[in-house]
Every structure is written in structure tokens, then in C-alpha cells.
Amino acid sequence: MLHEQYYKDYGLAIEGLARFHKIDPLVFNREVDDALPLDDILSPDPDLRALLEAFDKAKVKLWLFTNAHITHGKRVVKLLGVGGSDTYLYELIQLLIHNPRGLLRRHDLL
């Protein structure tokens, strides 16, 4: 399948779709990732939240990486009930595609 080949070649299917088919990644995200019925699949995970809250925040800063767009990442974090003021969300898509030098970009705190 084409999306599998693009995923294999570029790490993200949308990279190949944008390069060769002029698919706008933000439109793709809105129509695909943001349209997924995640409310039916994901629910708060108290065990995961407890695990994350057990870290000593004075020693450890929690980072959440996603290869999806920020809106999708925030939605998943919210549905799982694990986001908080001490969680930073970074988009690997920004790191891998839009920032070839590999420099991370800080987004707003969740």
C-alpha cells in the first residue's frame, strides 16, 4: 500500500503524501486524525496518571512526544486524563519533517 511505503520511506505517511500528491498536512490532520472517533476508544487511565504523578517533578520533567499534529496529541492526552501543567508536548512531526537539524520546539504547556 502507498501509505505503508511512505511510512517506511519517510517515517510518516503524510510526508510522502505532501511531497508527491500535494496533500496539505494540516487539512489531512483535520480530516483524518482529528476526525477519528477517539472518544469511543480512549478513556481516562487512572493507573497511567498515577504512574506519571509518582515521578519527583523536582528531578524529572515529563515530556510527551508524538508523531501526530499537536491537536491530535492534546486530544489523546486529554482523553487519557494524563495531561497537566507539568507535561510538555512536542510534535515529532515538527522535529522530523519541518526541522531537519533536529532542534526541539517547545509548545504551550498542556
Protein backbone atom coordinates (compact mmCIF):
# COMPACT_ATOMS: atom_id res chain seq x y z
CA MET A 1 0.00 0.00 0.00
CA LEU A 2 1.16 3.52 -0.76
CA HIS A 3 0.78 4.85 2.78
CA GLU A 4 2.86 1.94 4.11
CA GLN A 5 5.64 2.69 1.63
CA TYR A 6 5.64 6.39 2.56
CA TYR A 7 5.68 5.46 6.24
CA LYS A 8 8.64 3.16 5.61
CA ASP A 9 10.49 5.71 3.46
CA TYR A 10 9.82 8.85 5.49
CA GLY A 11 8.67 7.77 8.94
CA LEU A 12 5.30 9.41 8.33
CA ALA A 13 2.86 8.66 5.54
CA ILE A 14 1.88 12.33 5.33
CA GLU A 15 5.42 13.27 4.28
CA GLY A 16 5.08 11.27 1.06
CA LEU A 17 1.53 12.46 0.52
CA ALA A 18 2.63 16.09 0.89
CA ARG A 19 5.73 15.67 -1.30
CA PHE A 20 4.21 13.76 -4.18
CA HIS A 21 0.46 14.43 -4.07
CA LYS A 22 0.29 17.99 -2.78
CA ILE A 23 -1.77 16.97 0.26
CA ASP A 24 -1.83 19.77 2.84
CA PRO A 25 -0.69 18.19 6.14
CA LEU A 26 -2.97 20.43 8.21
CA VAL A 27 -6.02 19.58 6.11
CA PHE A 28 -5.05 15.90 6.30
CA ASN A 29 -4.78 16.16 10.07
CA ARG A 30 -8.17 17.86 10.36
CA GLU A 31 -9.89 15.37 8.06
CA VAL A 32 -8.15 12.20 9.33
CA ASP A 33 -6.53 12.33 12.78
CA ASP A 34 -8.89 14.90 14.28
CA ALA A 35 -11.89 13.05 12.82
CA LEU A 36 -11.06 9.70 14.43
CA PRO A 37 -13.71 8.61 16.97
CA LEU A 38 -11.21 8.51 19.82
CA ASP A 39 -13.90 9.24 22.39
CA ASP A 40 -15.20 5.72 21.69
CA ILE A 41 -11.75 4.14 22.07
CA LEU A 42 -9.88 6.05 24.76
CA SER A 43 -10.91 6.80 28.32
CA PRO A 44 -9.15 8.15 31.38
CA ASP A 45 -6.40 5.83 32.63
CA PRO A 46 -6.01 6.35 36.39
CA ASP A 47 -3.14 3.84 36.61
CA LEU A 48 -1.14 5.67 33.95
CA ARG A 49 -1.89 9.02 35.60
CA ALA A 50 -0.77 7.67 38.99
CA LEU A 51 2.44 6.35 37.43
CA LEU A 52 3.19 9.73 35.86
CA GLU A 53 2.32 11.62 39.03
CA ALA A 54 4.68 9.40 41.05
CA PHE A 55 7.73 10.97 39.40
CA ASP A 56 9.56 13.52 41.50
CA LYS A 57 8.94 16.67 39.47
CA ALA A 58 11.93 18.35 41.11
CA LYS A 59 14.17 15.74 39.46
CA VAL A 60 12.26 14.74 36.34
CA LYS A 61 10.49 16.86 33.72
CA LEU A 62 7.83 14.88 31.90
CA TRP A 63 7.90 15.05 28.11
CA LEU A 64 5.37 13.58 25.74
CA PHE A 65 6.42 13.03 22.15
CA THR A 66 4.03 12.41 19.30
CA ASN A 67 4.46 11.98 15.58
CA ALA A 68 0.95 13.37 15.13
CA HIS A 69 -0.04 17.01 14.91
CA ILE A 70 -0.31 18.91 18.20
CA THR A 71 -4.13 18.90 18.12
CA HIS A 72 -4.22 15.11 17.95
CA GLY A 73 -1.65 14.80 20.72
CA LYS A 74 -3.55 17.16 23.01
CA ARG A 75 -6.78 15.30 22.32
CA VAL A 76 -5.26 11.93 23.24
CA VAL A 77 -3.67 13.33 26.39
CA LYS A 78 -6.99 14.86 27.44
CA LEU A 79 -8.96 11.67 26.78
CA LEU A 80 -6.44 9.59 28.75
CA GLY A 81 -6.58 12.13 31.56
CA VAL A 82 -2.81 12.33 31.84
CA GLY A 83 -2.05 15.92 30.82
CA GLY A 84 -1.17 18.55 33.33
CA SER A 85 0.76 21.71 33.87
CA ASP A 86 3.96 19.69 34.19
CA THR A 87 3.68 17.88 30.85
CA TYR A 88 5.31 19.25 27.72
CA LEU A 89 4.02 18.07 24.37
CA TYR A 90 6.36 18.04 21.39
CA GLU A 91 5.49 17.06 17.89
CA LEU A 92 7.95 14.67 16.34
CA ILE A 93 6.47 15.66 13.01
CA GLN A 94 7.99 19.10 13.57
CA LEU A 95 11.28 17.57 14.61
CA LEU A 96 11.48 15.09 11.74
CA ILE A 97 9.98 16.98 8.82
CA HIS A 98 9.97 20.70 9.39
CA ASN A 99 13.17 20.93 11.39
CA PRO A 100 15.85 18.81 9.74
CA ARG A 101 18.53 19.95 12.19
CA GLY A 102 16.72 18.07 14.94
CA LEU A 103 16.11 21.01 17.26
CA LEU A 104 13.10 20.63 19.51
CA ARG A 105 10.42 23.29 19.71
CA ARG A 106 8.53 23.97 22.93
CA HIS A 107 4.74 24.16 22.68
CA ASP A 108 2.46 25.59 25.30
CA LEU A 109 2.06 23.58 28.43
CA LEU A 110 -0.97 21.33 28.41
